[in-house]
């Protein structure tokens, strides 16, 4: 009989559960729900081993316990996020109680630091995957002896055992394409024009290890890139099999390798694919030629991790960029007709009234198409986490329930309550400028875009 594996995002507020970010979408205006691409990779691996794989994103609806009755899975894999850790783990516990013989596996960013104790404190968990999960899950499903599987914690004679870490996968081309046939792709749409959007994971790793960021702890400091040919083959599958032509090129740092970036763009053009895509960039890795080829191959939006308008704070977090780097990149992107989405973080330990105002004013100066103002969250695994504990910035304990919107910690000079006030004020000051509103209205190209922007505007005015 064919064995079954159920891969889930547990019931929770809608949350982009990529380990690096773990972003709740409700309060962040222009962050859409992203498809569970991590689960699709794992499901594809399970299918290659002859398993029947089922994917469920219960944050978007569905009846978990009815599914359990019908599926009776032999294995469960759950993506566990830091902001929803308690409820996620409670879901796994309930599943184990319903199906005691089901092998329960958890993965996610929390297990970078919290792993062996999980086995003691949550006895309903059979395996904790630490680090990149694909090859680890493959070996679990193949029945490799537990003591030979790198990157797991497990139980043995009522003891928690932690194996050695698994090295990062150097050959990303060897992974199967995500099992998109197992999800309803039409649920996941761009927030502006409402078109279906897929996530293409083009590379992993970031060498910069910024103070607040999980990219390096999750994916390593070496940037591991897929080949252009492998990426284009996945794009073709999406276009031809699923009729998807809008893409988010997901990476920890997209264009750090200039020649690889331009080569990918040229090969997309040569392929004849008529697609639209977005990506991220550092503020010191963009130039005019690169932006030209990106636009020509279909890039219409680039996100930039600006973080702060205070050079002092940028220096303190190890960002290794200058305000002029940022200004130049924004100028280059605007010249090449690529929309810009800037990210800012308010409430880092050195934040003051003055630096917060510098950030808000800098955001207005850059005048990008979209911004997100996050409140700083010291997620376990980051340098920020250790700093917050040592400097007692979370005197009433760390709580990530409203991560990125509700502050988790104070700064050296600002209370959590004040940071939240500044955060709300920043969003309004940027988005409710008459000139910005007029420019945005003129840029709309369809009634669908108008509806989506109107909905975001109402959320901004009445829910903040």
Protein backbone atom coordinates (compact mmCIF):
# COMPACT_ATOMS: atom_id res chain seq x y z
CA UNK A 1 0.00 0.00 0.00
CA UNK A 2 1.28 3.47 -0.94
CA UNK A 3 2.37 5.48 2.06
CA UNK A 4 1.05 9.00 2.53
CA UNK A 5 2.67 12.17 3.75
CA UNK A 6 0.72 15.30 4.69
CA UNK A 7 2.72 18.53 4.51
CA UNK A 8 1.13 21.53 6.20
CA UNK A 9 1.19 25.15 7.14
CA UNK A 10 -0.76 24.93 10.42
CA UNK A 11 -3.92 26.99 11.01
CA UNK A 12 -2.82 30.51 11.93
CA UNK A 13 -3.06 34.09 10.75
CA UNK A 14 -1.79 34.26 7.17
CA UNK A 15 1.97 34.10 7.43
CA UNK A 16 4.68 33.88 4.80
CA UNK A 17 6.55 31.00 6.35
CA UNK A 18 9.83 31.26 4.50
CA UNK A 19 12.36 30.71 7.28
CA UNK A 20 14.20 33.95 6.58
CA UNK A 21 11.17 36.20 6.95
CA UNK A 22 8.13 34.63 8.65
CA UNK A 23 6.03 37.69 7.82
CA UNK A 24 2.39 38.07 8.87
CA UNK A 25 0.60 39.60 5.87
CA UNK A 26 -2.46 41.20 7.49
CA UNK A 27 -0.87 44.43 8.68
CA UNK A 28 1.79 44.90 6.02
CA UNK A 29 -0.40 46.25 3.20
CA UNK A 30 1.48 45.07 0.11
CA UNK A 31 2.82 41.68 1.24
CA UNK A 32 0.74 38.98 -0.48
CA UNK A 33 0.39 35.42 0.79
CA UNK A 34 3.10 33.38 -0.90
CA UNK A 35 2.62 29.78 -2.03
CA UNK A 36 4.14 27.06 0.20
CA UNK A 37 7.07 26.52 -2.14
CA UNK A 38 9.14 24.87 0.60
CA UNK A 39 6.44 22.23 1.05
CA UNK A 40 6.20 21.78 -2.72
CA UNK A 41 9.90 20.94 -2.90
CA UNK A 42 9.52 18.40 -0.11
CA UNK A 43 6.38 16.91 -1.66
CA UNK A 44 8.21 16.49 -4.98
CA UNK A 45 10.94 14.55 -3.18
CA UNK A 46 8.36 12.36 -1.45
CA UNK A 47 6.60 11.64 -4.74
CA UNK A 48 9.89 10.55 -6.33
CA UNK A 49 10.17 8.01 -3.51
CA UNK A 50 6.71 6.64 -4.33
CA UNK A 51 4.76 8.41 -1.57
CA UNK A 52 1.36 9.98 -2.02
CA UNK A 53 1.94 13.60 -0.99
CA UNK A 54 -0.74 16.08 0.07
CA UNK A 55 -0.09 19.78 0.75
CA UNK A 56 -2.39 21.96 2.84
CA UNK A 57 -2.00 25.64 3.70
CA UNK A 58 -4.46 25.81 6.59
CA UNK A 59 -3.73 29.49 7.19
CA UNK A 60 -5.89 30.10 4.14
CA UNK A 61 -8.66 27.71 5.16
CA UNK A 62 -9.52 24.04 5.08
CA UNK A 63 -10.65 21.42 7.57
CA UNK A 64 -7.58 19.81 9.09
CA UNK A 65 -9.33 17.09 11.05
CA UNK A 66 -11.63 16.12 8.20
CA UNK A 67 -8.50 15.75 6.08
CA UNK A 68 -6.95 13.53 8.76
CA UNK A 69 -10.02 11.28 8.76
CA UNK A 70 -9.90 10.94 4.98
CA UNK A 71 -6.14 10.76 4.45
CA UNK A 72 -4.86 8.88 7.52
CA UNK A 73 -1.29 9.99 6.74
CA UNK A 74 1.69 7.82 7.67
CA UNK A 75 3.89 10.93 7.96
CA UNK A 76 3.18 14.54 8.85
CA UNK A 77 5.56 17.39 8.11
CA UNK A 78 4.71 20.79 9.58
CA UNK A 79 6.39 24.12 8.91
CA UNK A 80 6.75 25.77 12.32
CA UNK A 81 7.22 29.55 12.51
CA UNK A 82 8.50 31.62 15.41
CA UNK A 83 5.52 34.04 15.60
CA UNK A 84 3.05 31.12 15.76
CA UNK A 85 5.24 28.56 17.50
CA UNK A 86 2.88 27.63 20.35
CA UNK A 87 -0.22 27.20 18.20
CA UNK A 88 1.74 25.41 15.46
CA UNK A 89 3.11 22.87 17.93
CA UNK A 90 -0.33 22.43 19.50
CA UNK A 91 -1.64 21.53 16.04
CA UNK A 92 1.01 18.83 15.68
CA UNK A 93 0.15 17.52 19.15
CA UNK A 94 -3.52 17.26 18.24
CA UNK A 95 -2.67 15.39 15.04
CA UNK A 96 -0.52 12.91 16.97
CA UNK A 97 -3.38 12.32 19.41
CA UNK A 98 -5.76 11.65 16.51
CA UNK A 99 -3.32 9.38 14.62
CA UNK A 100 -0.78 7.99 17.13
CA UNK A 101 1.08 5.97 14.49
CA UNK A 102 1.70 8.99 12.29
CA UNK A 103 5.40 9.94 12.21
CA UNK A 104 5.55 13.65 13.05
CA UNK A 105 8.28 15.84 11.56
CA UNK A 106 8.77 19.56 12.18
CA UNK A 107 10.99 22.03 10.38
CA UNK A 108 11.49 25.78 10.49
CA UNK A 109 13.66 28.66 11.67
CA UNK A 110 12.92 28.15 15.41
CA UNK A 111 14.95 24.95 15.31
CA UNK A 112 18.17 26.75 14.48
CA UNK A 113 18.52 27.30 18.22
CA UNK A 114 15.72 25.32 19.83
CA UNK A 115 16.13 21.70 18.80
CA UNK A 116 17.17 19.01 21.26
CA UNK A 117 14.87 20.43 23.94
CA UNK A 118 11.94 20.05 21.57
CA UNK A 119 12.24 16.28 21.85
CA UNK A 120 12.06 16.46 25.66
CA UNK A 121 9.40 19.13 25.95
CA UNK A 122 7.18 17.95 23.08
CA UNK A 123 7.16 14.14 23.18
CA UNK A 124 4.67 13.94 20.32
CA UNK A 125 7.43 15.07 17.92
CA UNK A 126 9.38 12.26 16.26
CA UNK A 127 11.87 14.28 14.22
CA UNK A 128 13.13 17.86 14.26
CA UNK A 129 14.81 18.91 11.02
CA UNK A 130 17.52 21.52 11.47
CA UNK A 131 18.70 23.44 8.42
CA UNK A 132 17.87 22.74 4.79
CA UNK A 133 15.20 20.04 4.83
CA UNK A 134 15.10 18.43 1.38
CA UNK A 135 17.87 15.83 1.62
CA UNK A 136 17.14 15.24 5.30
CA UNK A 137 13.48 14.42 4.63
CA UNK A 138 14.52 12.16 1.76
CA UNK A 139 16.63 10.06 4.11
CA UNK A 140 13.91 9.93 6.78
CA UNK A 141 11.40 8.65 4.22
CA UNK A 142 13.93 6.19 2.79
CA UNK A 143 14.32 4.65 6.23
CA UNK A 144 17.98 5.51 6.71
CA UNK A 145 18.95 4.69 10.34
CA UNK A 146 18.35 7.70 12.56
CA UNK A 147 21.93 7.90 13.76
CA UNK A 148 23.13 8.23 10.15
CA UNK A 149 20.87 11.14 9.16
CA UNK A 150 22.56 14.51 9.39
CA UNK A 151 20.57 17.53 10.53
CA UNK A 152 17.96 15.92 12.81
CA UNK A 153 17.01 15.56 16.45
CA UNK A 154 15.10 12.43 17.46
CA UNK A 155 14.26 10.16 20.38
CA UNK A 156 16.30 7.12 21.33
CA UNK A 157 15.64 5.20 24.54
CA UNK A 158 13.63 8.18 25.83
CA UNK A 159 16.63 10.44 25.28
CA UNK A 160 16.86 13.37 22.89
CA UNK A 161 19.64 12.88 20.35
CA UNK A 162 21.06 15.64 18.15
CA UNK A 163 23.02 14.56 15.10
CA UNK A 164 25.67 16.59 13.34
CA UNK A 165 24.48 19.41 11.11
CA UNK A 166 23.92 18.71 7.44
CA UNK A 167 26.15 20.65 5.03
CA UNK A 168 24.31 23.00 2.69
CA UNK A 169 23.33 21.51 -0.65
CA UNK A 170 25.81 22.80 -3.22
CA UNK A 171 23.87 21.47 -6.22
CA UNK A 172 20.48 23.18 -6.23
CA UNK A 173 19.90 22.03 -9.82
CA UNK A 174 19.65 18.48 -8.47
CA UNK A 175 16.41 19.25 -6.63
CA UNK A 176 13.13 18.38 -8.35
CA UNK A 177 10.89 21.25 -9.34
CA UNK A 178 8.27 22.14 -6.71
CA UNK A 179 5.11 19.99 -6.89
CA UNK A 180 2.79 22.80 -7.97
CA UNK A 181 0.15 20.29 -9.07
CA UNK A 182 -0.58 19.66 -5.38
CA UNK A 183 -1.80 23.20 -4.59
CA UNK A 184 -4.40 25.59 -5.93
CA UNK A 185 -2.03 28.09 -7.54
CA UNK A 186 -4.86 30.55 -8.18
CA UNK A 187 -4.98 31.42 -4.48
CA UNK A 188 -1.58 33.11 -4.62
CA UNK A 189 -1.80 36.39 -6.51
CA UNK A 190 0.09 39.62 -6.93
CA UNK A 191 -1.27 42.34 -4.64
CA UNK A 192 -1.41 44.98 -7.41
CA UNK A 193 -2.99 43.38 -10.49
CA UNK A 194 -4.43 40.22 -8.91
CA UNK A 195 -2.63 37.89 -11.34
CA UNK A 196 -1.48 34.44 -10.23
CA UNK A 197 2.14 34.51 -9.08
CA UNK A 198 4.62 31.69 -8.48
CA UNK A 199 7.81 31.79 -6.44
CA UNK A 200 10.99 30.65 -8.19
CA UNK A 201 13.82 30.03 -5.75
CA UNK A 202 16.88 31.03 -7.75
CA UNK A 203 19.60 30.98 -5.10
CA UNK A 204 20.31 30.48 -1.41
CA UNK A 205 22.76 32.11 0.98
CA UNK A 206 24.01 35.61 1.85
CA UNK A 207 27.56 36.62 2.87
CA UNK A 208 26.62 39.72 4.87
CA UNK A 209 25.02 38.29 8.06
CA UNK A 210 23.24 41.49 9.06
CA UNK A 211 22.41 42.04 12.72
CA UNK A 212 18.66 41.33 12.48
CA UNK A 213 18.50 38.92 9.54
CA UNK A 214 18.09 35.13 9.42
CA UNK A 215 19.32 34.72 5.84
CA UNK A 216 22.87 33.67 6.75
CA UNK A 217 21.93 31.41 9.70
CA UNK A 218 19.23 29.71 7.59
CA UNK A 219 21.03 29.41 4.25
CA UNK A 220 24.71 30.02 4.95
CA UNK A 221 27.14 32.75 3.93
CA UNK A 222 27.99 31.23 0.54
CA UNK A 223 25.63 32.18 -2.28
CA UNK A 224 24.58 28.97 -4.05
CA UNK A 225 22.98 29.69 -7.40
CA UNK A 226 20.91 27.55 -9.74
CA UNK A 227 21.97 27.53 -13.35
CA UNK A 228 20.09 29.78 -15.77
CA UNK A 229 19.08 26.69 -17.76
CA UNK A 230 17.53 25.03 -14.71
CA UNK A 231 15.62 28.19 -13.75
CA UNK A 232 14.29 28.64 -17.29
CA UNK A 233 13.16 25.01 -17.40
CA UNK A 234 11.07 25.64 -14.28
CA UNK A 235 9.70 28.87 -15.75
CA UNK A 236 8.65 26.99 -18.88
CA UNK A 237 6.89 24.35 -16.79
CA UNK A 238 4.98 27.08 -14.95
CA UNK A 239 3.95 28.80 -18.19
CA UNK A 240 3.08 25.69 -20.18
CA UNK A 241 1.61 23.46 -17.48
CA UNK A 242 0.06 25.95 -15.04
CA UNK A 243 -0.45 29.05 -17.20
CA UNK A 244 1.53 31.19 -14.74
CA UNK A 245 3.44 34.14 -16.21
CA UNK A 246 4.11 36.27 -13.10
CA UNK A 247 6.99 35.33 -10.82
CA UNK A 248 8.82 36.31 -7.68
CA UNK A 249 12.48 35.32 -7.98
CA UNK A 250 13.16 34.39 -4.37
CA UNK A 251 16.72 34.64 -3.08
CA UNK A 252 18.61 35.91 -0.08
CA UNK A 253 20.49 38.27 -2.39
CA UNK A 254 19.52 38.11 -6.06
CA UNK A 255 22.11 40.02 -8.05
CA UNK A 256 25.34 39.75 -6.08
CA UNK A 257 26.90 37.93 -9.06
CA UNK A 258 26.63 40.46 -11.86
CA UNK A 259 27.56 38.14 -14.74
CA UNK A 260 25.14 35.42 -13.55
CA UNK A 261 22.31 37.97 -13.28
CA UNK A 262 22.83 39.41 -16.76
CA UNK A 263 23.29 35.93 -18.25
CA UNK A 264 20.00 34.78 -16.70
CA UNK A 265 18.21 37.83 -18.09
CA UNK A 266 19.60 37.29 -21.59
CA UNK A 267 18.64 33.62 -21.55
CA UNK A 268 15.10 34.46 -20.46
CA UNK A 269 14.89 36.78 -23.48
CA UNK A 270 16.36 34.11 -25.78
CA UNK A 271 13.85 31.55 -24.47
CA UNK A 272 10.97 33.59 -25.86
CA UNK A 273 9.11 33.45 -22.54
CA UNK A 274 6.78 36.41 -22.07
CA UNK A 275 6.88 36.75 -18.30
CA UNK A 276 6.89 39.39 -15.60
CA UNK A 277 9.06 38.99 -12.54
CA UNK A 278 10.31 40.72 -9.42
CA UNK A 279 13.39 40.22 -7.25
CA UNK A 280 15.39 41.79 -4.44
CA UNK A 281 18.69 43.64 -4.47
CA UNK A 282 21.25 45.14 -2.18
CA UNK A 283 21.71 48.85 -2.61
CA UNK A 284 25.33 48.49 -3.74
CA UNK A 285 25.00 45.76 -6.37
CA UNK A 286 22.83 47.44 -9.01
CA UNK A 287 24.08 49.27 -12.08
CA UNK A 288 22.54 50.69 -15.23
CA UNK A 289 23.44 47.80 -17.55
CA UNK A 290 22.10 45.20 -15.14
CA UNK A 291 18.86 47.12 -14.66
CA UNK A 292 18.50 47.42 -18.44
CA UNK A 293 18.70 43.64 -18.95
CA UNK A 294 16.46 42.96 -15.98
CA UNK A 295 13.73 45.19 -17.39
CA UNK A 296 14.13 43.80 -20.91
CA UNK A 297 13.68 40.23 -19.61
CA UNK A 298 10.48 41.11 -17.72
CA UNK A 299 11.54 42.52 -14.36
CA UNK A 300 9.01 45.12 -13.27
CA UNK A 301 9.70 45.46 -9.54
CA UNK A 302 12.76 45.27 -7.32
CA UNK A 303 12.75 45.32 -3.53
CA UNK A 304 15.58 46.91 -1.58
CA UNK A 305 16.42 46.30 2.06
CA UNK A 306 17.09 49.93 2.96
CA UNK A 307 16.46 49.28 6.69
CA UNK A 308 17.19 52.80 7.99
CA UNK A 309 17.69 56.40 6.97
CA UNK A 310 20.33 56.75 9.68
CA UNK A 311 23.87 55.98 8.55
CA UNK A 312 24.81 55.30 12.17
CA UNK A 313 22.21 52.54 12.44
CA UNK A 314 23.22 51.07 9.07
CA UNK A 315 26.79 50.89 10.37
CA UNK A 316 25.72 49.34 13.67
CA UNK A 317 23.76 46.52 12.00
CA UNK A 318 26.62 45.63 9.66
CA UNK A 319 24.69 46.55 6.52
CA UNK A 320 27.83 47.78 4.75
CA UNK A 321 25.97 50.24 2.54
CA UNK A 322 25.65 54.02 2.53
CA UNK A 323 22.68 56.29 2.06
CA UNK A 324 24.23 57.41 -1.22
CA UNK A 325 24.42 53.75 -2.39
CA UNK A 326 20.69 53.57 -1.82
CA UNK A 327 20.00 56.85 -3.58
CA UNK A 328 22.01 55.72 -6.59
CA UNK A 329 20.25 52.35 -6.87
CA UNK A 330 16.83 53.99 -6.66
CA UNK A 331 17.90 56.44 -9.37
CA UNK A 332 19.09 53.62 -11.64
CA UNK A 333 15.90 51.59 -11.20
CA UNK A 334 13.67 54.59 -11.87
CA UNK A 335 15.66 55.40 -15.00
CA UNK A 336 15.03 51.86 -16.25
CA UNK A 337 11.28 51.97 -15.46
CA UNK A 338 11.47 49.31 -12.74
CA UNK A 339 9.16 49.87 -9.80
CA UNK A 340 10.74 49.97 -6.36
CA UNK A 341 9.66 48.42 -3.08
CA UNK A 342 11.75 49.62 -0.14
CA UNK A 343 11.89 47.87 3.23
CA UNK A 344 12.60 49.76 6.44
CA UNK A 345 13.06 48.51 10.01
CA UNK A 346 12.03 50.72 12.92
CA UNK A 347 12.97 49.95 16.50
CA UNK A 348 16.48 48.56 16.23
CA UNK A 349 18.35 48.95 19.55
CA UNK A 350 19.92 52.32 18.68
CA UNK A 351 16.69 53.86 17.39
CA UNK A 352 15.81 57.30 18.75
CA UNK A 353 13.17 59.86 17.85
CA UNK A 354 15.78 61.52 15.66
CA UNK A 355 16.86 58.38 13.76
CA UNK A 356 13.24 57.31 13.27
CA UNK A 357 12.47 60.69 11.72
CA UNK A 358 15.54 60.34 9.52
CA UNK A 359 14.18 57.01 8.26
CA UNK A 360 10.71 58.39 7.55
CA UNK A 361 12.12 61.42 5.77
CA UNK A 362 14.52 59.24 3.78
CA UNK A 363 11.65 57.02 2.68
CA UNK A 364 9.77 60.08 1.47
CA UNK A 365 12.87 61.41 -0.27
CA UNK A 366 13.38 58.13 -2.17
CA UNK A 367 9.69 58.20 -3.17
CA UNK A 368 9.47 54.54 -4.18
CA UNK A 369 6.29 52.87 -5.43
CA UNK A 370 5.84 50.81 -2.27
CA UNK A 371 7.33 50.64 1.21
CA UNK A 372 7.00 48.39 4.20
CA UNK A 373 7.93 49.70 7.62
CA UNK A 374 8.65 46.75 9.89
CA UNK A 375 9.19 46.87 13.61
CA UNK A 376 12.38 45.11 14.61
CA UNK A 377 11.99 41.49 15.74
CA UNK A 378 14.97 39.72 17.36
CA UNK A 379 14.20 36.25 16.02
CA UNK A 380 16.19 33.36 17.53
CA UNK A 381 19.26 32.67 15.45
CA UNK A 382 20.05 36.32 14.74
CA UNK A 383 22.70 38.49 16.36
CA UNK A 384 19.84 40.74 17.43
CA UNK A 385 18.36 37.94 19.55
CA UNK A 386 21.51 37.62 21.69
CA UNK A 387 21.92 41.40 21.88
CA UNK A 388 18.35 41.89 23.09
CA UNK A 389 18.78 39.34 25.86
CA UNK A 390 22.17 40.63 27.03
CA UNK A 391 20.97 44.25 27.02
CA UNK A 392 17.60 43.42 28.63
CA UNK A 393 15.55 44.96 25.82
CA UNK A 394 12.75 42.46 26.45
CA UNK A 395 12.18 42.90 30.17
CA UNK A 396 8.71 41.32 30.02
CA UNK A 397 9.87 38.44 27.82
CA UNK A 398 10.05 38.00 24.08
CA UNK A 399 6.72 37.76 22.31
CA UNK A 400 6.55 37.43 18.53
CA UNK A 401 2.76 37.16 18.18
CA UNK A 402 2.57 40.35 16.13
CA UNK A 403 6.07 40.17 14.68
CA UNK A 404 7.11 43.01 12.35
CA UNK A 405 4.06 45.09 13.34
CA UNK A 406 3.78 44.96 17.13
CA UNK A 407 7.25 45.61 18.62
CA UNK A 408 8.88 42.66 20.39
CA UNK A 409 11.48 44.75 22.24
CA UNK A 410 12.19 48.32 23.25
CA UNK A 411 15.25 50.25 22.11
CA UNK A 412 17.85 51.82 24.37
CA UNK A 413 15.77 54.99 24.42
CA UNK A 414 12.25 54.19 23.10
CA UNK A 415 9.49 52.10 24.64
CA UNK A 416 7.65 49.43 22.65
CA UNK A 417 4.53 51.58 22.79
CA UNK A 418 6.37 54.54 21.27
CA UNK A 419 7.87 52.38 18.52
CA UNK A 420 4.39 51.21 17.54
CA UNK A 421 3.17 54.81 17.39
CA UNK A 422 6.13 55.77 15.19
CA UNK A 423 5.49 52.75 12.97
CA UNK A 424 1.85 53.68 12.35
CA UNK A 425 2.81 57.31 11.77
CA UNK A 426 5.50 56.32 9.25
CA UNK A 427 3.05 54.36 7.11
CA UNK A 428 0.55 57.21 7.05
CA UNK A 429 3.18 59.87 6.34
CA UNK A 430 4.44 57.94 3.34
CA UNK A 431 1.24 56.64 1.78
CA UNK A 432 -1.15 59.52 2.48
CA UNK A 433 0.87 62.20 0.72
CA UNK A 434 -1.35 63.87 -1.90
CA UNK A 435 1.43 63.77 -4.49
CA UNK A 436 2.00 60.05 -3.92
CA UNK A 437 -1.72 59.28 -4.16
CA UNK A 438 -2.05 61.25 -7.40
CA UNK A 439 1.02 59.59 -8.94
CA UNK A 440 -0.25 56.14 -7.97
CA UNK A 441 -3.69 56.74 -9.47
CA UNK A 442 -2.10 57.85 -12.75
CA UNK A 443 -0.03 54.62 -12.85
CA UNK A 444 -3.03 52.26 -12.62
CA UNK A 445 -3.66 50.20 -15.73
CA UNK A 446 -6.79 48.21 -14.93
CA UNK A 447 -9.91 48.17 -12.80
CA UNK A 448 -8.46 45.20 -10.87
CA UNK A 449 -5.44 47.28 -9.93
CA UNK A 450 -7.74 50.10 -8.84
CA UNK A 451 -9.74 47.74 -6.59
CA UNK A 452 -6.62 46.28 -5.00
CA UNK A 453 -5.07 49.68 -4.33
CA UNK A 454 -8.38 50.99 -3.00
CA UNK A 455 -8.65 48.03 -0.61
CA UNK A 456 -5.10 48.64 0.65
CA UNK A 457 -5.89 52.33 1.10
CA UNK A 458 -8.99 51.59 3.17
CA UNK A 459 -6.94 49.22 5.33
CA UNK A 460 -4.37 51.93 5.82
CA UNK A 461 -6.87 54.60 6.81
CA UNK A 462 -9.27 52.67 9.01
CA UNK A 463 -7.23 49.83 10.57
CA UNK A 464 -4.22 51.70 11.79
